[in-house]
Amino acid sequence: MNNKEFQEMLKVFNRLVELIEKFQGELTEEEEKVIIETPLMIPPDIYDEICETIKEKEILLFGIS
């Protein structure tokens, strides 16, 4: 993944966050439960590249250690 692809991924991620926040009030309790209990899965090679890019060994925000 190059820098351009990484930047595109961040834009998509930020857009997802915006959409989730916008429609959060419209979710049923069951839908909200699924979102909360389902972890965001990042492929290991992408995770490693993100860590390398930000010069960290792990990203606690993602709940991966």
Protein backbone atom coordinates (compact mmCIF):
# COMPACT_ATOMS: atom_id res chain seq x y z
CA MET A 1 0.00 0.00 0.00
CA ASN A 2 1.44 3.33 -0.98
CA ASN A 3 0.78 6.72 0.62
CA LYS A 4 -2.02 7.60 -1.81
CA GLU A 5 -3.84 4.33 -1.06
CA PHE A 6 -3.34 4.87 2.67
CA GLN A 7 -4.81 8.39 2.44
CA GLU A 8 -7.78 7.03 0.48
CA MET A 9 -8.33 4.38 3.14
CA LEU A 10 -8.31 7.04 5.88
CA LYS A 11 -10.87 9.10 3.96
CA VAL A 12 -13.13 6.06 3.65
CA PHE A 13 -12.70 5.25 7.34
CA ASN A 14 -13.55 8.84 8.32
CA ARG A 15 -16.62 8.75 6.07
CA LEU A 16 -17.76 5.53 7.73
CA VAL A 17 -17.41 7.15 11.15
CA GLU A 18 -19.50 10.12 9.96
CA LEU A 19 -22.21 7.85 8.59
CA ILE A 20 -22.33 5.75 11.75
CA GLU A 21 -22.66 8.88 13.89
CA LYS A 22 -25.34 10.30 11.58
CA PHE A 23 -27.52 7.20 11.62
CA GLN A 24 -26.75 6.02 15.16
CA GLY A 25 -30.08 7.30 16.45
CA GLU A 26 -31.91 5.34 13.76
CA LEU A 27 -30.53 1.92 14.72
CA THR A 28 -32.58 -0.66 16.52
CA GLU A 29 -31.12 -2.01 19.75
CA GLU A 30 -30.24 -5.27 18.00
CA GLU A 31 -28.42 -3.49 15.16
CA GLU A 32 -26.49 -1.35 17.64
CA LYS A 33 -25.53 -4.46 19.64
CA VAL A 34 -24.11 -6.11 16.51
CA ILE A 35 -22.02 -3.03 15.72
CA ILE A 36 -20.68 -2.77 19.28
CA GLU A 37 -19.88 -6.48 19.61
CA THR A 38 -18.33 -6.91 16.15
CA PRO A 39 -14.67 -5.89 16.09
CA LEU A 40 -13.18 -4.04 13.15
CA MET A 41 -10.90 -6.53 11.43
CA ILE A 42 -7.79 -5.19 9.71
CA PRO A 43 -5.68 -7.58 7.63
CA PRO A 44 -2.31 -8.21 9.34
CA ASP A 45 -0.24 -6.81 6.48
CA ILE A 46 -2.27 -3.57 6.44
CA TYR A 47 -2.01 -3.31 10.24
CA ASP A 48 1.75 -3.79 10.08
CA GLU A 49 2.05 -1.13 7.40
CA ILE A 50 -0.02 1.34 9.44
CA CYS A 51 2.17 0.67 12.49
CA GLU A 52 5.29 1.18 10.41
CA THR A 53 3.94 4.40 8.92
CA ILE A 54 3.12 5.91 12.30
CA LYS A 55 6.25 4.41 13.87
CA GLU A 56 4.40 2.44 16.56
CA LYS A 57 4.58 -1.23 17.54
CA GLU A 58 0.83 -1.48 18.15
CA ILE A 59 -2.34 0.55 17.74
CA LEU A 60 -4.37 0.47 20.91
CA LEU A 61 -7.20 2.47 19.33
CA PHE A 62 -7.98 -0.59 17.21
CA GLY A 63 -7.96 -2.85 20.27
CA ILE A 64 -5.06 -4.89 18.92
CA SER A 65 -2.06 -5.57 21.05
